[in-house]
Amino acid sequence: MPPARERPSRYGKTPVIASVRHIVIPMISRNVSAKDIWKTLMDDHGISISFSTLNAYVRNQRTSYRAPTSPAC
């Protein structure tokens, strides 16, 4: 029987979003849309990132930063 094949680690690299976090977070706090953030990253900063990755990150950040609201009675 041949030896087991060694699989490469796909999580060895730092995600692209980690390298642009310092640009994206202030834009999220100014309530800039994910599409406009994506366009800015691509056009002004020359950063290639998929829209779906950025959109998921923005959505996650916006929902985690919302202040809790009191229930309506």
N, C-alpha and C. Protein backbone atom coordinates (compact mmCIF):
# COMPACT_ATOMS: atom_id res chain seq x y z
N MET A 1 0.86 -1.18 0.00
CA MET A 1 0.00 0.00 0.00
C MET A 1 0.90 1.24 0.00
N PRO A 2 0.61 2.22 -0.86
CA PRO A 2 1.44 3.43 -0.91
C PRO A 2 1.23 4.28 0.34
N PRO A 3 2.22 5.11 0.69
CA PRO A 3 2.06 5.96 1.87
C PRO A 3 0.96 7.00 1.65
N ALA A 4 0.41 7.45 2.74
CA ALA A 4 -0.67 8.45 2.67
C ALA A 4 -0.14 9.74 2.05
N ARG A 5 -0.95 10.34 1.24
CA ARG A 5 -0.58 11.58 0.57
C ARG A 5 -0.70 12.75 1.53
N GLU A 6 0.29 13.60 1.53
CA GLU A 6 0.26 14.78 2.40
C GLU A 6 -0.52 15.89 1.72
N ARG A 7 -1.50 16.41 2.40
CA ARG A 7 -2.34 17.46 1.81
C ARG A 7 -1.80 18.83 2.22
N PRO A 8 -1.78 19.76 1.27
CA PRO A 8 -1.32 21.11 1.61
C PRO A 8 -2.34 21.83 2.49
N SER A 9 -1.86 22.66 3.36
CA SER A 9 -2.75 23.43 4.22
C SER A 9 -3.29 24.62 3.44
N ARG A 10 -4.59 24.75 3.36
CA ARG A 10 -5.16 25.88 2.62
C ARG A 10 -5.32 27.11 3.51
N TYR A 11 -5.08 26.96 4.79
CA TYR A 11 -5.24 28.09 5.69
C TYR A 11 -3.90 28.68 6.11
N GLY A 12 -2.87 28.44 5.36
CA GLY A 12 -1.54 28.94 5.70
C GLY A 12 -1.38 30.43 5.44
N LYS A 13 -2.14 30.98 4.52
CA LYS A 13 -2.02 32.39 4.17
C LYS A 13 -2.95 33.25 5.01
N THR A 14 -2.57 34.50 5.15
CA THR A 14 -3.44 35.45 5.83
C THR A 14 -4.55 35.85 4.86
N PRO A 15 -5.80 35.86 5.31
CA PRO A 15 -6.89 36.25 4.42
C PRO A 15 -6.71 37.69 3.93
N VAL A 16 -7.19 37.94 2.73
CA VAL A 16 -7.07 39.27 2.13
C VAL A 16 -7.73 40.32 3.01
N ILE A 17 -8.84 39.97 3.62
CA ILE A 17 -9.59 40.94 4.42
C ILE A 17 -8.75 41.45 5.59
N ALA A 18 -7.85 40.66 6.11
CA ALA A 18 -7.01 41.10 7.22
C ALA A 18 -6.07 42.22 6.80
N SER A 19 -5.65 42.22 5.54
CA SER A 19 -4.73 43.25 5.08
C SER A 19 -5.43 44.57 4.75
N VAL A 20 -6.75 44.57 4.62
CA VAL A 20 -7.48 45.81 4.30
C VAL A 20 -8.40 46.27 5.42
N ARG A 21 -8.33 45.60 6.55
CA ARG A 21 -9.22 45.92 7.67
C ARG A 21 -9.11 47.38 8.09
N HIS A 22 -7.89 47.93 8.07
CA HIS A 22 -7.69 49.32 8.49
C HIS A 22 -8.34 50.31 7.53
N ILE A 23 -8.64 49.90 6.32
CA ILE A 23 -9.33 50.75 5.35
C ILE A 23 -10.84 50.56 5.46
N VAL A 24 -11.26 49.33 5.66
CA VAL A 24 -12.67 48.98 5.61
C VAL A 24 -13.43 49.40 6.87
N ILE A 25 -12.86 49.21 8.05
CA ILE A 25 -13.57 49.51 9.30
C ILE A 25 -14.05 50.97 9.37
N PRO A 26 -13.20 51.96 9.07
CA PRO A 26 -13.71 53.34 9.10
C PRO A 26 -14.84 53.59 8.10
N MET A 27 -14.79 52.92 6.96
CA MET A 27 -15.85 53.09 5.97
C MET A 27 -17.15 52.48 6.45
N ILE A 28 -17.05 51.35 7.16
CA ILE A 28 -18.25 50.73 7.72
C ILE A 28 -18.87 51.65 8.76
N SER A 29 -18.02 52.28 9.59
CA SER A 29 -18.55 53.17 10.62
C SER A 29 -19.20 54.42 10.03
N ARG A 30 -18.80 54.80 8.82
CA ARG A 30 -19.44 55.94 8.13
C ARG A 30 -20.65 55.49 7.32
N ASN A 31 -21.00 54.20 7.45
CA ASN A 31 -22.17 53.62 6.79
C ASN A 31 -22.06 53.62 5.27
N VAL A 32 -20.85 53.41 4.73
CA VAL A 32 -20.64 53.28 3.30
C VAL A 32 -21.08 51.89 2.88
N SER A 33 -21.74 51.78 1.74
CA SER A 33 -22.24 50.48 1.29
C SER A 33 -21.08 49.55 0.93
N ALA A 34 -21.35 48.26 0.98
CA ALA A 34 -20.32 47.26 0.66
C ALA A 34 -19.85 47.43 -0.78
N LYS A 35 -20.75 47.77 -1.67
CA LYS A 35 -20.39 47.95 -3.08
C LYS A 35 -19.44 49.13 -3.25
N ASP A 36 -19.71 50.24 -2.54
CA ASP A 36 -18.83 51.40 -2.63
C ASP A 36 -17.47 51.13 -1.97
N ILE A 37 -17.45 50.36 -0.89
CA ILE A 37 -16.18 49.98 -0.27
C ILE A 37 -15.38 49.14 -1.24
N TRP A 38 -16.03 48.19 -1.90
CA TRP A 38 -15.38 47.32 -2.86
C TRP A 38 -14.79 48.13 -4.03
N LYS A 39 -15.57 49.07 -4.55
CA LYS A 39 -15.09 49.91 -5.64
C LYS A 39 -13.88 50.73 -5.21
N THR A 40 -13.91 51.28 -3.99
CA THR A 40 -12.79 52.06 -3.48
C THR A 40 -11.54 51.21 -3.36
N LEU A 41 -11.68 50.01 -2.82
CA LEU A 41 -10.53 49.12 -2.69
C LEU A 41 -9.93 48.79 -4.05
N MET A 42 -10.78 48.51 -5.02
CA MET A 42 -10.31 48.14 -6.35
C MET A 42 -9.70 49.33 -7.09
N ASP A 43 -10.39 50.46 -7.09
CA ASP A 43 -9.97 51.61 -7.90
C ASP A 43 -8.88 52.44 -7.24
N ASP A 44 -9.06 52.80 -5.98
CA ASP A 44 -8.14 53.73 -5.32
C ASP A 44 -6.92 53.04 -4.71
N HIS A 45 -7.09 51.80 -4.29
CA HIS A 45 -6.01 51.12 -3.59
C HIS A 45 -5.39 49.96 -4.38
N GLY A 46 -6.00 49.60 -5.50
CA GLY A 46 -5.47 48.52 -6.33
C GLY A 46 -5.51 47.15 -5.67
N ILE A 47 -6.47 46.95 -4.79
CA ILE A 47 -6.59 45.69 -4.06
C ILE A 47 -7.66 44.84 -4.73
N SER A 48 -7.30 43.62 -5.06
CA SER A 48 -8.24 42.70 -5.68
C SER A 48 -8.84 41.80 -4.61
N ILE A 49 -10.13 41.92 -4.42
CA ILE A 49 -10.85 41.12 -3.44
C ILE A 49 -12.22 40.81 -4.02
N SER A 50 -12.71 39.62 -3.77
CA SER A 50 -14.03 39.28 -4.31
C SER A 50 -15.11 40.05 -3.54
N PHE A 51 -16.14 40.42 -4.26
CA PHE A 51 -17.22 41.17 -3.63
C PHE A 51 -17.92 40.33 -2.57
N SER A 52 -18.08 39.04 -2.83
CA SER A 52 -18.78 38.20 -1.86
C SER A 52 -18.02 38.10 -0.55
N THR A 53 -16.69 38.04 -0.60
CA THR A 53 -15.88 38.01 0.62
C THR A 53 -16.04 39.31 1.39
N LEU A 54 -15.93 40.42 0.69
CA LEU A 54 -16.05 41.72 1.33
C LEU A 54 -17.46 41.92 1.89
N ASN A 55 -18.46 41.56 1.12
CA ASN A 55 -19.85 41.75 1.55
C ASN A 55 -20.14 40.94 2.81
N ALA A 56 -19.66 39.71 2.88
CA ALA A 56 -19.86 38.89 4.07
C ALA A 56 -19.17 39.52 5.28
N TYR A 57 -17.97 40.05 5.10
CA TYR A 57 -17.25 40.70 6.19
C TYR A 57 -17.99 41.95 6.67
N VAL A 58 -18.44 42.78 5.73
CA VAL A 58 -19.17 44.01 6.09
C VAL A 58 -20.45 43.66 6.82
N ARG A 59 -21.18 42.68 6.32
CA ARG A 59 -22.44 42.26 6.96
C ARG A 59 -22.17 41.77 8.39
N ASN A 60 -21.12 41.00 8.55
CA ASN A 60 -20.77 40.48 9.86
C ASN A 60 -20.38 41.61 10.82
N GLN A 61 -19.60 42.56 10.34
CA GLN A 61 -19.18 43.67 11.18
C GLN A 61 -20.36 44.56 11.57
N ARG A 62 -21.24 44.80 10.65
CA ARG A 62 -22.40 45.66 10.96
C ARG A 62 -23.34 45.01 11.97
N THR A 63 -23.54 43.72 11.88
CA THR A 63 -24.44 43.07 12.83
C THR A 63 -23.79 42.91 14.19
N SER A 64 -22.48 42.78 14.24
CA SER A 64 -21.82 42.60 15.53
C SER A 64 -21.62 43.92 16.26
N TYR A 65 -21.65 45.05 15.55
CA TYR A 65 -21.44 46.35 16.18
C TYR A 65 -22.74 47.07 16.55
N ARG A 66 -23.88 46.51 16.22
CA ARG A 66 -25.14 47.17 16.52
C ARG A 66 -25.43 47.16 18.01
N ALA A 67 -25.89 48.26 18.50
CA ALA A 67 -26.28 48.33 19.91
C ALA A 67 -27.59 47.58 20.10
N PRO A 68 -27.72 46.89 21.20
CA PRO A 68 -28.98 46.18 21.43
C PRO A 68 -30.14 47.16 21.59
N THR A 69 -31.26 46.79 21.07
CA THR A 69 -32.46 47.64 21.18
C THR A 69 -33.41 47.04 22.19
N SER A 70 -34.19 47.89 22.81
CA SER A 70 -35.15 47.39 23.78
C SER A 70 -36.36 46.83 23.02
N PRO A 71 -36.96 45.78 23.53
CA PRO A 71 -38.11 45.20 22.84
C PRO A 71 -39.31 46.14 22.84
N ALA A 72 -40.00 46.17 21.73
CA ALA A 72 -41.20 47.00 21.61
C ALA A 72 -42.37 46.28 22.26
N CYS A 73 -43.05 46.91 23.16
CA CYS A 73 -44.17 46.29 23.86
C CYS A 73 -45.46 46.93 23.47
